[in-house]
Each structure stands twice: as C-alpha cells, then as structure tokens.
Amino acid sequence: MSADNSGKIIKDVAEGSAAWEAGIKAGDELCLINGSGIEDIFDYQYECADTEVEMTIRHKDGSEDTYFLEKAEDEDPGLIFDDGIMDDYKRCRNKCIFCFIDQMPAGMRDTLYFKDDDSRLSFLQGNYVTLTNMSDQDIERIIRYNLEPINISFQTTNPGLRNKMMGNRFAGEALKKAERLFEAGVRMNGQIVLCRGINDGAELDRSISDLSRYIPHLESLSVVPVGLSRYREGLYPLEPFDGEAATQVIGQIEDWQDRIYKEHGTHFVHASDEWYLTTGKDLPEAGRYDGYLQLENGVGMVRLLLDEIDEELGSLKTSRRKDSFSIATGQLIFPVIKGIVDRMREYFPDVDVKVYPVINHFFGESITVSGLLTGQDIADQLRDKELGSRLYLPENLLRSRTETLLDDMTLSGLSDALQVPIGIVKSDGVSFVDIFKGRI
C-alpha cells in the first residue's frame, strides 16, 4: 500500500452520508484512512469496510484534521472522487504487432490513442491485461483484495514468441504471474488474439494445452482473429484469415473443446463469433458456451441473441400493427439480422423493415464488425436510402454512456444528416422484438 499522503481530491460529498455529517467538504483532500495512504479505489474500499473509519483530511488552506466516522459495515462513507479508480491509468508499454490502436488514423480524439494495461480496469470494466505492466505488488494486491475475475491477454504460452508478438523482451517471463494467480485461486479469463502464421496451428495447440492446466481458476479462454485496418503502413506484416483458414481454426478449437470437456466438464476454449460468421458455419449450441463467460469479447453473443429471439417468438401472436423503420449494422452480422427480420415478418406482416449493411470505409473494408462503424460512413451510405419513420443502430456503436460515435459524430448530428429519428437497440432478444412492438 502506498505511503504517499499527497492526498486524493474530493470532488463531492454525498448528502446525509457519514462524511457529510462530519463536515468534510468538496475540495478537501483525503490523505490517510486508518493511518494508511491510499493508492486507489481498492485501498479506499478496503479501509472503509469497517463500521468505524479514521480519516486524515487536508483542507484548502493547508490545515489537516482527523475525523472519526461511524457507519454501517461496508457502507460507503460518502466521498466522491473525480476519477473512478482514484489514480492515473497505467499505460501499456508493449509494442504488440497486432495492436489495433497503432492502426488508427491521425487526427482522432486523444483518448482513442491511449493504451491501457491496468489490472484494476480488468476487474472494474472487464478490460484485458498482458501481465507485462504488473509488478509483484500489483499481484499481491489482487490476491489481498480478491479482485476477480482478472482478464488476461495471453496470445501464446511460448515465452520467446510472446516476446516477439508483444515487442517486449520480458513478456514471456510475465507469464509466471498467471501461475501466481492460479496458485492463489484467483478467478481468471483468458484471450488469444490469433495472428495467421504466427501463433496459430501448432502454437495454438501448445497454448490451449498449457493454459488448460489452470482450470478451474482459468474459467475460459477465447480465441479472436486479429483486426487489420487499412492504416498499417510501417507495421508488422500480418495477413487476414480467409474462409479456409478460419474453418481450420474452428475445427481445431472444437476438437480441444471435446477433449477438455471429457476431462474437466467444461468446454473452456471458445472461438469468437467472428470465426463462425466469416465462414458461414453453424454457431455452437448454447451449452457449449459454458454460461457465456466472455460475451463482451464477442463469444456467444449471436447464439444468445438467436435463442432469446426464439423465446420471445414462442409467446408472440400475430400483430396487425403498422409501421416502417430501418436497421443499419455491420457487414459481418448483417445476414443474421436480415434473417431475424425475415422471421419477424411472420408475426408483424404490416411492419415494413429495411436492413442495411454498412461498409467500413473509415478503417477499411476488412473491418466488418458493427462496433467500429463511424457516423460518417453510416451517413454517407444511408443518405439516399428508404429509412422509414426511424433508423435503429446497435448500442455498441456508441462510446460508453454517451451519444457519440467513434468519429465523434453525435446521434443528433447523424439524425440531422439523415433527416430521421434514431433509436438505439441493445443486443438482446427482448429489445429486438420491442422495436417491432413500437416500444423503443
């Protein structure tokens, strides 16, 4: 734990809280809790868990006071900070050959170029970390505070190859930190970004075999294809997976699933949806996803959506409701969405729906996922289309908790450009059916 008592600036104090009752004000600095320095939100939560909390506060005039707060166990004292983790984010120092941020064009907002590799964001937001930027102290804090699950980007368990892929001569050695987490019983999820001719084939077999030793604490391992934008000048030469190569990857992973399931009762390793959509192969049934542990990483989202649609349609009666609207989506998922809309017509015959795939000219046509579409591409390609009474877009197009798209175009700006109201749809079956019912 940090011994630094430089203080954490208090943005606000919740009215009626223990801190508010004690007289602590916005603009004060929190220096110590129970005599200990505070590095980040986890130290704060740990020290504030008891019913009695001692806080050393520095006021704006430089004076310091000690407050003794009484509250319910695990109740927050009421201090609000400007940053969710109460600390600076840790920047990634790797130079990965597959890093998508290095494939971004110039001139975008600064936050899009920030590479984080912060284990705290893994716990709080589900981000993946490489272990290379974590100290032994970081590992001990994860264990002490029971920060789980931790999501880890392994890429490969071949130390030398990992050094090469991450552009870091210590990347292979960092794998030992996963062993420490395993020994401590910390729950983990893993990811492999697969690069053709580099960590696939025999190397993928090795990685899956090695990482399966961490079951059950390593609960799942996803394999996702590398994303390649058109901005790769001067970067490591990488090739996309074509249909034949993607089919081989799926077969390899499904073989491992069968072997691991017989031994451990879990399928463990999963191909992301992109592999199946690229090849046109049938998606696995729900049971092969082991409870959908990596939905946010694109593993099982389509299967879950289809099953939720089936469930909704099972209790649906034919409606004579009249409406017209449109849906825009990425090229990869377009056939799935088009198929769902065709099924919905059986239940809503008087609802006219147009579905449009949007080509990603901004990053390049090889980028086919919905989440990387820009407002400008959507506006340019839909401007002369029949959009009906409104246009629906998937929620993953937006920056978290905002109405802004990747290129900083706002929903209102896009709505003005297309002269149509815009609705946002979550990626679940209930929400999809609700747009036909007129509830969104």
Protein backbone atom coordinates (compact mmCIF):
# COMPACT_ATOMS: atom_id res chain seq x y z
CA MET A 1 0.00 0.00 0.00
CA SER A 2 1.27 3.44 -0.87
CA ALA A 3 2.84 5.50 1.88
CA ASP A 4 2.28 8.68 -0.11
CA ASN A 5 -0.11 11.04 1.64
CA SER A 6 -0.20 13.69 -1.09
CA GLY A 7 -3.96 13.30 -1.00
CA LYS A 8 -6.88 12.46 -3.23
CA ILE A 9 -9.02 15.45 -4.12
CA ILE A 10 -12.65 15.04 -3.05
CA LYS A 11 -14.99 16.09 -5.84
CA ASP A 12 -18.18 15.97 -3.76
CA VAL A 13 -19.68 14.53 -0.58
CA ALA A 14 -22.97 12.64 -0.61
CA GLU A 15 -25.60 14.48 1.39
CA GLY A 16 -26.58 12.65 4.57
CA SER A 17 -23.50 10.38 4.49
CA ALA A 18 -21.11 9.89 7.41
CA ALA A 19 -18.54 12.16 5.73
CA TRP A 20 -21.18 14.85 5.13
CA GLU A 21 -22.32 14.68 8.75
CA ALA A 22 -18.68 15.03 9.88
CA GLY A 23 -18.25 18.23 7.88
CA ILE A 24 -15.88 17.04 5.15
CA LYS A 25 -16.23 19.28 2.08
CA ALA A 26 -15.74 19.12 -1.67
CA GLY A 27 -12.21 20.32 -2.49
CA ASP A 28 -10.69 18.76 0.64
CA GLU A 29 -8.00 16.11 0.20
CA LEU A 30 -8.17 12.62 1.62
CA CYS A 31 -4.64 11.89 2.88
CA LEU A 32 -4.94 8.81 5.11
CA ILE A 33 -7.54 6.26 6.14
CA ASN A 34 -6.89 4.41 9.40
CA GLY A 35 -3.32 5.74 9.22
CA SER A 36 -2.64 4.27 5.78
CA GLY A 37 -2.01 6.02 2.48
CA ILE A 38 -4.47 5.50 -0.36
CA GLU A 39 -3.20 4.42 -3.77
CA ASP A 40 -6.54 3.86 -5.46
CA ILE A 41 -10.18 2.87 -5.08
CA PHE A 42 -9.35 -0.62 -3.79
CA ASP A 43 -7.33 0.69 -0.83
CA TYR A 44 -10.19 3.10 -0.15
CA GLN A 45 -12.87 0.40 -0.20
CA TYR A 46 -10.77 -2.00 1.87
CA GLU A 47 -10.05 0.55 4.61
CA CYS A 48 -13.64 1.81 4.65
CA ALA A 49 -15.25 -1.61 5.15
CA ASP A 50 -15.45 -1.40 8.96
CA THR A 51 -18.09 0.43 10.99
CA GLU A 52 -15.54 2.94 12.35
CA VAL A 53 -13.20 4.77 9.99
CA GLU A 54 -10.47 7.30 10.80
CA MET A 55 -9.75 9.83 8.04
CA THR A 56 -7.00 12.42 7.82
CA ILE A 57 -8.23 15.33 5.71
CA ARG A 58 -6.23 18.28 4.35
CA HIS A 59 -8.28 21.42 3.75
CA LYS A 60 -7.79 24.01 1.05
CA ASP A 61 -5.87 26.28 3.45
CA GLY A 62 -3.34 23.51 4.09
CA SER A 63 -4.54 22.61 7.58
CA GLU A 64 -5.25 18.98 8.45
CA ASP A 65 -7.91 17.41 10.66
CA THR A 66 -8.64 13.85 11.72
CA TYR A 67 -12.25 12.66 11.53
CA PHE A 68 -13.73 9.56 13.14
CA LEU A 69 -16.70 8.32 11.14
CA GLU A 70 -19.30 5.79 12.27
CA LYS A 71 -21.37 3.98 9.67
CA ALA A 72 -22.85 0.61 8.76
CA GLU A 73 -20.46 -2.16 7.78
CA ASP A 74 -19.48 -1.96 4.07
CA GLU A 75 -21.42 1.31 3.74
CA ASP A 76 -19.56 3.93 1.70
CA PRO A 77 -18.55 6.95 3.83
CA GLY A 78 -19.87 9.25 1.11
CA LEU A 79 -16.76 10.67 -0.54
CA ILE A 80 -16.99 11.14 -4.32
CA PHE A 81 -13.87 11.41 -6.46
CA ASP A 82 -13.40 12.75 -9.98
CA ASP A 83 -11.84 9.52 -11.24
CA GLY A 84 -13.43 6.13 -10.71
CA ILE A 85 -10.19 4.43 -9.70
CA MET A 86 -8.78 7.43 -7.75
CA ASP A 87 -5.50 7.14 -9.66
CA ASP A 88 -3.93 7.56 -13.08
CA TYR A 89 -4.50 4.73 -15.54
CA LYS A 90 -1.48 2.55 -16.23
CA ARG A 91 -0.23 2.90 -19.80
CA CYS A 92 0.77 -0.15 -21.82
CA ARG A 93 4.48 -0.24 -22.66
CA ASN A 94 4.26 -3.13 -25.12
CA LYS A 95 4.63 -2.78 -28.88
CA CYS A 96 2.34 -5.58 -29.97
CA ILE A 97 2.48 -6.50 -33.64
CA PHE A 98 -1.34 -6.74 -33.69
CA CYS A 99 -2.26 -3.65 -31.65
CA PHE A 100 -5.35 -2.00 -33.17
CA ILE A 101 -4.55 1.38 -31.64
CA ASP A 102 -1.40 1.51 -33.77
CA GLN A 103 -3.69 1.07 -36.79
CA MET A 104 -5.71 4.21 -36.09
CA PRO A 105 -5.51 7.22 -38.41
CA ALA A 106 -4.18 10.55 -37.17
CA GLY A 107 -6.46 13.35 -36.06
CA MET A 108 -8.89 11.49 -33.81
CA ARG A 109 -9.57 12.37 -30.16
CA ASP A 110 -6.66 11.77 -27.79
CA THR A 111 -8.41 9.11 -25.70
CA LEU A 112 -8.54 6.75 -28.70
CA TYR A 113 -4.73 6.58 -28.74
CA PHE A 114 -4.34 5.72 -25.06
CA LYS A 115 -3.20 2.12 -24.50
CA ASP A 116 -4.19 0.94 -21.04
CA ASP A 117 -2.84 -2.20 -19.40
CA ASP A 118 -4.32 -1.73 -15.96
CA SER A 119 -5.35 -4.73 -13.87
CA ARG A 120 -7.80 -2.54 -11.97
CA LEU A 121 -9.74 -1.89 -15.18
CA SER A 122 -9.75 -5.63 -15.79
CA PHE A 123 -11.69 -6.05 -12.56
CA LEU A 124 -13.86 -2.95 -12.88
CA GLN A 125 -14.61 -2.89 -16.62
CA GLY A 126 -13.57 -6.26 -18.00
CA ASN A 127 -10.52 -4.98 -19.89
CA TYR A 128 -7.80 -7.47 -20.78
CA VAL A 129 -4.27 -7.10 -19.39
CA THR A 130 -1.00 -8.59 -20.60
CA LEU A 131 0.67 -9.04 -17.17
CA THR A 132 3.77 -7.26 -18.51
CA ASN A 133 2.95 -3.97 -16.81
CA MET A 134 2.12 -5.53 -13.44
CA SER A 135 4.54 -5.53 -10.52
CA ASP A 136 4.75 -8.15 -7.79
CA GLN A 137 2.96 -5.62 -5.59
CA ASP A 138 0.09 -5.48 -8.10
CA ILE A 139 -0.23 -9.26 -7.97
CA GLU A 140 -0.27 -9.23 -4.18
CA ARG A 141 -2.96 -6.53 -4.12
CA ILE A 142 -5.13 -8.58 -6.48
CA ILE A 143 -4.83 -11.53 -4.15
CA ARG A 144 -5.27 -9.48 -0.98
CA TYR A 145 -8.35 -7.61 -2.19
CA ASN A 146 -9.77 -10.62 -4.04
CA LEU A 147 -10.01 -8.69 -7.30
CA GLU A 148 -11.52 -11.24 -9.61
CA PRO A 149 -12.07 -12.19 -12.30
CA ILE A 150 -8.90 -10.89 -13.95
CA ASN A 151 -8.94 -10.97 -17.75
CA ILE A 152 -5.58 -11.80 -19.32
CA SER A 153 -4.36 -11.49 -22.91
CA PHE A 154 -2.07 -14.49 -23.25
CA GLN A 155 -1.60 -14.62 -27.06
CA THR A 156 0.76 -17.57 -26.62
CA THR A 157 2.44 -19.58 -23.87
CA ASN A 158 5.67 -19.81 -25.87
CA PRO A 159 7.87 -17.29 -24.00
CA GLY A 160 10.06 -16.39 -26.96
CA LEU A 161 7.12 -15.99 -29.30
CA ARG A 162 5.30 -13.88 -26.71
CA ASN A 163 8.33 -11.58 -26.51
CA LYS A 164 8.15 -11.14 -30.29
CA MET A 165 4.40 -10.65 -30.51
CA MET A 166 4.33 -8.05 -27.75
CA GLY A 167 7.57 -6.29 -28.61
CA ASN A 168 8.69 -6.73 -25.03
CA ARG A 169 11.64 -8.93 -24.01
CA PHE A 170 10.01 -9.53 -20.62
CA ALA A 171 6.62 -10.63 -21.98
CA GLY A 172 7.42 -14.34 -21.78
CA GLU A 173 8.68 -14.06 -18.22
CA ALA A 174 5.45 -12.26 -17.25
CA LEU A 175 3.51 -15.49 -17.82
CA LYS A 176 4.75 -16.62 -14.40
CA LYS A 177 2.39 -14.07 -12.85
CA ALA A 178 -0.56 -16.09 -14.13
CA GLU A 179 0.89 -19.07 -12.27
CA ARG A 180 0.94 -16.98 -9.08
CA LEU A 181 -2.70 -16.00 -9.55
CA PHE A 182 -3.62 -19.62 -10.20
CA GLU A 183 -1.86 -20.77 -7.03
CA ALA A 184 -3.79 -18.15 -5.05
CA GLY A 185 -7.11 -19.34 -6.51
CA VAL A 186 -7.88 -16.07 -8.31
CA ARG A 187 -10.55 -16.48 -11.00
CA MET A 188 -9.30 -15.59 -14.49
CA ASN A 189 -10.46 -15.46 -18.09
CA GLY A 190 -8.04 -15.61 -20.99
CA GLN A 191 -7.78 -14.34 -24.54
CA ILE A 192 -5.64 -15.20 -27.53
CA VAL A 193 -5.52 -12.74 -30.42
CA LEU A 194 -4.75 -15.09 -33.28
CA CYS A 195 -2.34 -13.94 -35.97
CA ARG A 196 -2.11 -16.05 -39.09
CA GLY A 197 1.17 -17.94 -39.46
CA ILE A 198 2.43 -16.71 -36.08
CA ASN A 199 0.56 -18.08 -33.05
CA ASP A 200 -1.93 -20.35 -34.83
CA GLY A 201 -1.57 -24.01 -35.80
CA ALA A 202 0.83 -25.93 -33.54
CA GLU A 203 1.43 -22.83 -31.41
CA LEU A 204 -2.29 -22.56 -30.68
CA ASP A 205 -2.34 -26.23 -29.69
CA ARG A 206 0.52 -25.58 -27.30
CA SER A 207 -1.17 -22.55 -25.76
CA ILE A 208 -4.52 -24.27 -25.22
CA SER A 209 -2.80 -27.31 -23.72
CA ASP A 210 -0.64 -25.20 -21.38
CA LEU A 211 -3.49 -22.96 -20.25
CA SER A 212 -5.89 -25.85 -19.64
CA ARG A 213 -3.66 -26.69 -16.67
CA TYR A 214 -5.10 -23.61 -14.95
CA ILE A 215 -8.65 -25.00 -14.96
CA PRO A 216 -10.80 -24.36 -12.90
CA HIS A 217 -9.37 -20.98 -11.86
CA LEU A 218 -8.87 -20.01 -15.50
CA GLU A 219 -12.55 -20.32 -16.34
CA SER A 220 -12.48 -19.64 -20.07
CA LEU A 221 -10.17 -18.92 -22.98
CA SER A 222 -11.35 -17.08 -26.09
CA VAL A 223 -9.63 -17.09 -29.46
CA VAL A 224 -10.32 -13.98 -31.54
CA PRO A 225 -8.98 -13.09 -35.01
CA VAL A 226 -6.61 -10.15 -35.33
CA GLY A 227 -8.27 -7.00 -36.63
CA LEU A 228 -6.46 -5.36 -39.54
CA SER A 229 -7.32 -1.82 -40.58
CA ARG A 230 -6.11 -0.07 -43.73
CA TYR A 231 -3.68 2.03 -41.69
CA ARG A 232 -0.81 -0.46 -41.39
CA GLU A 233 2.00 1.28 -43.21
CA GLY A 234 5.29 0.53 -41.45
CA LEU A 235 3.73 -2.06 -39.13
CA TYR A 236 4.49 -5.77 -38.88
CA PRO A 237 3.12 -7.60 -41.95
CA LEU A 238 0.03 -9.57 -40.98
CA GLU A 239 -2.41 -11.48 -43.16
CA PRO A 240 -6.15 -11.84 -42.59
CA PHE A 241 -7.75 -15.25 -42.12
CA ASP A 242 -9.66 -16.36 -45.19
CA GLY A 243 -12.60 -18.77 -45.04
CA GLU A 244 -10.46 -21.89 -45.33
CA ALA A 245 -8.05 -20.82 -42.60
CA ALA A 246 -10.92 -19.75 -40.33
CA THR A 247 -12.60 -23.13 -40.83
CA GLN A 248 -9.39 -24.84 -39.72
CA VAL A 249 -9.27 -22.69 -36.58
CA ILE A 250 -12.86 -23.59 -35.70
CA GLY A 251 -12.17 -27.30 -36.16
CA GLN A 252 -9.04 -27.07 -34.01
CA ILE A 253 -10.88 -25.31 -31.19
CA GLU A 254 -13.87 -27.64 -31.28
CA ASP A 255 -11.54 -30.65 -31.09
CA TRP A 256 -9.98 -29.15 -27.96
CA GLN A 257 -13.43 -28.45 -26.51
CA ASP A 258 -14.36 -32.11 -26.81
CA ARG A 259 -11.12 -33.29 -25.22
CA ILE A 260 -11.22 -30.81 -22.35
CA TYR A 261 -14.91 -31.40 -21.65
CA LYS A 262 -14.30 -35.13 -21.16
CA GLU A 263 -11.63 -34.37 -18.55
CA HIS A 264 -12.95 -31.25 -16.81
CA GLY A 265 -16.67 -30.95 -17.61
CA THR A 266 -16.15 -27.55 -19.26
CA HIS A 267 -15.51 -26.63 -22.88
CA PHE A 268 -13.03 -23.98 -21.68
CA VAL A 269 -11.75 -22.67 -25.05
CA HIS A 270 -14.08 -20.81 -27.39
CA ALA A 271 -13.91 -19.38 -30.89
CA SER A 272 -15.36 -15.88 -31.04
CA ASP A 273 -18.50 -15.37 -33.13
CA GLU A 274 -16.47 -13.71 -35.89
CA TRP A 275 -14.94 -17.05 -36.93
CA TYR A 276 -18.35 -18.62 -37.47
CA LEU A 277 -19.88 -15.62 -39.20
CA THR A 278 -16.89 -15.36 -41.53
CA THR A 279 -17.16 -18.98 -42.62
CA GLY A 280 -20.94 -19.31 -42.58
CA LYS A 281 -20.68 -22.33 -40.29
CA ASP A 282 -23.47 -23.00 -37.82
CA LEU A 283 -22.95 -21.42 -34.43
CA PRO A 284 -22.45 -23.78 -31.47
CA GLU A 285 -25.48 -24.54 -29.31
CA ALA A 286 -25.88 -22.61 -26.07
CA GLY A 287 -24.49 -25.41 -23.89
CA ARG A 288 -21.06 -25.20 -25.48
CA TYR A 289 -20.55 -21.66 -24.19
CA ASP A 290 -20.36 -22.70 -20.51
CA GLY A 291 -22.65 -19.90 -19.33
CA TYR A 292 -21.40 -17.17 -21.70
CA LEU A 293 -18.36 -16.08 -19.71
CA GLN A 294 -16.97 -13.87 -22.47
CA LEU A 295 -19.95 -12.17 -24.06
CA GLU A 296 -18.23 -8.78 -24.03
CA ASN A 297 -15.39 -10.32 -26.03
CA GLY A 298 -17.74 -11.41 -28.80
CA VAL A 299 -18.07 -15.02 -27.69
CA GLY A 300 -21.63 -16.35 -27.88
CA MET A 301 -23.40 -13.03 -28.41
CA VAL A 302 -25.06 -14.18 -31.62
CA ARG A 303 -26.15 -17.56 -30.22
CA LEU A 304 -27.63 -15.86 -27.16
CA LEU A 305 -29.44 -13.30 -29.32
CA LEU A 306 -30.93 -16.02 -31.54
CA ASP A 307 -32.07 -18.07 -28.56
CA GLU A 308 -33.61 -15.03 -26.90
CA ILE A 309 -35.46 -14.23 -30.13
CA ASP A 310 -36.78 -17.80 -30.21
CA GLU A 311 -38.00 -17.44 -26.64
CA GLU A 312 -39.75 -14.15 -27.38
CA LEU A 313 -41.41 -15.51 -30.51
CA GLY A 314 -42.65 -18.56 -28.63
CA SER A 315 -45.26 -16.45 -26.82
CA LEU A 316 -45.93 -13.95 -29.60
CA LYS A 317 -49.17 -13.68 -31.56
CA THR A 318 -49.58 -12.15 -34.99
CA SER A 319 -49.93 -8.36 -34.79
CA ARG A 320 -51.64 -6.07 -37.31
CA ARG A 321 -49.62 -3.10 -36.12
CA LYS A 322 -48.49 -0.86 -38.99
CA ASP A 323 -45.04 0.72 -39.02
CA SER A 324 -41.94 1.25 -41.12
CA PHE A 325 -38.36 1.63 -39.96
CA SER A 326 -34.81 0.66 -40.87
CA ILE A 327 -31.84 -1.01 -39.22
CA ALA A 328 -28.16 -0.37 -40.01
CA THR A 329 -25.48 -2.80 -38.97
CA GLY A 330 -22.01 -4.09 -39.82
CA GLN A 331 -21.35 -6.38 -42.76
CA LEU A 332 -20.40 -9.35 -40.58
CA ILE A 333 -23.66 -9.58 -38.63
CA PHE A 334 -25.88 -8.40 -41.50
CA PRO A 335 -27.01 -11.90 -42.63
CA VAL A 336 -28.01 -12.75 -39.06
CA ILE A 337 -30.01 -9.54 -38.57
CA LYS A 338 -31.61 -9.94 -42.01
CA GLY A 339 -32.65 -13.49 -41.09
CA ILE A 340 -34.18 -12.34 -37.82
CA VAL A 341 -36.13 -9.58 -39.58
CA ASP A 342 -37.45 -12.08 -42.13
CA ARG A 343 -38.72 -14.24 -39.25
CA MET A 344 -40.33 -11.24 -37.57
CA ARG A 345 -42.39 -10.54 -40.69
CA GLU A 346 -44.41 -13.67 -39.94
CA TYR A 347 -45.61 -12.02 -36.71
CA PHE A 348 -45.66 -8.39 -37.91
CA PRO A 349 -46.75 -8.60 -41.57
CA ASP A 350 -47.67 -4.90 -41.69
CA VAL A 351 -44.32 -3.66 -40.39
CA ASP A 352 -42.00 -2.72 -43.26
CA VAL A 353 -38.34 -3.07 -42.24
CA LYS A 354 -35.25 -2.34 -44.31
CA VAL A 355 -31.89 -3.71 -43.13
CA TYR A 356 -28.72 -2.09 -44.45
CA PRO A 357 -25.14 -3.36 -44.12
CA VAL A 358 -22.66 -0.51 -43.73
CA ILE A 359 -19.22 -0.89 -45.30
CA ASN A 360 -16.38 0.38 -43.11
CA HIS A 361 -14.58 2.80 -45.44
CA PHE A 362 -13.04 4.59 -42.46
CA PHE A 363 -10.90 1.68 -41.19
CA GLY A 364 -11.06 -0.40 -44.36
CA GLU A 365 -13.43 -2.99 -45.75
CA SER A 366 -11.70 -5.83 -43.88
CA ILE A 367 -13.15 -4.38 -40.66
CA THR A 368 -16.68 -5.77 -40.72
CA VAL A 369 -17.86 -5.60 -37.09
CA SER A 370 -20.60 -3.15 -36.09
CA GLY A 371 -18.73 -1.68 -33.13
CA LEU A 372 -16.12 0.04 -35.34
CA LEU A 373 -18.51 1.82 -37.68
CA THR A 374 -18.37 5.60 -37.83
CA GLY A 375 -21.16 8.10 -38.08
CA GLN A 376 -19.78 9.43 -41.36
CA ASP A 377 -19.86 6.01 -43.05
CA ILE A 378 -23.43 5.50 -41.87
CA ALA A 379 -24.47 8.96 -43.07
CA ASP A 380 -22.77 8.61 -46.47
CA GLN A 381 -24.21 5.18 -47.22
CA LEU A 382 -27.76 5.70 -45.96
CA ARG A 383 -28.39 9.24 -47.13
CA ASP A 384 -30.42 8.18 -50.20
CA LYS A 385 -31.97 5.02 -48.69
CA GLU A 386 -35.55 4.40 -47.59
CA LEU A 387 -35.31 4.69 -43.80
CA GLY A 388 -38.96 4.75 -42.80
CA SER A 389 -40.12 6.56 -39.69
CA ARG A 390 -36.82 6.00 -37.84
CA LEU A 391 -33.42 4.31 -38.03
CA TYR A 392 -32.17 1.84 -35.42
CA LEU A 393 -28.48 1.36 -34.61
CA PRO A 394 -26.81 -1.20 -32.31
CA GLU A 395 -25.73 0.03 -28.90
CA ASN A 396 -22.10 -0.99 -29.38
CA LEU A 397 -21.62 1.87 -31.86
CA LEU A 398 -21.61 4.39 -29.03
CA ARG A 399 -18.90 5.40 -26.61
CA SER A 400 -19.73 4.15 -23.13
CA ARG A 401 -22.59 6.10 -21.54
CA THR A 402 -22.59 8.75 -24.30
CA GLU A 403 -24.46 9.51 -27.51
CA THR A 404 -21.22 9.88 -29.50
CA LEU A 405 -19.94 7.55 -32.20
CA LEU A 406 -16.33 6.58 -32.84
CA ASP A 407 -15.61 9.57 -35.11
CA ASP A 408 -17.20 11.99 -32.61
CA MET A 409 -20.37 12.40 -34.65
CA THR A 410 -23.30 12.56 -32.25
CA LEU A 411 -26.61 10.78 -32.65
CA SER A 412 -28.34 14.14 -33.07
CA GLY A 413 -25.82 15.09 -35.77
CA LEU A 414 -26.38 11.81 -37.58
CA SER A 415 -30.13 12.24 -37.22
CA ASP A 416 -29.90 15.70 -38.78
CA ALA A 417 -27.73 14.40 -41.62
CA LEU A 418 -30.22 11.64 -42.48
CA GLN A 419 -33.37 13.57 -41.56
CA VAL A 420 -34.74 10.69 -39.50
CA PRO A 421 -35.07 9.98 -35.76
CA ILE A 422 -32.55 7.41 -34.47
CA GLY A 423 -33.13 4.72 -31.87
CA ILE A 424 -30.53 2.58 -30.11
CA VAL A 425 -31.09 -1.15 -29.65
CA LYS A 426 -29.38 -3.34 -27.07
CA SER A 427 -28.01 -6.68 -28.24
CA ASP A 428 -30.69 -8.85 -26.67
CA GLY A 429 -33.78 -10.58 -28.00
CA VAL A 430 -36.28 -8.64 -25.88
CA SER A 431 -35.03 -5.30 -27.17
CA PHE A 432 -35.06 -6.51 -30.77
CA VAL A 433 -38.66 -7.67 -30.55
CA ASP A 434 -39.61 -4.46 -28.75
CA ILE A 435 -38.71 -2.33 -31.81
CA PHE A 436 -41.35 -4.27 -33.77
CA LYS A 437 -43.83 -3.67 -30.97
CA GLY A 438 -43.07 0.07 -31.06
CA ARG A 439 -41.74 0.14 -27.52
CA ILE A 440 -38.32 1.60 -28.39
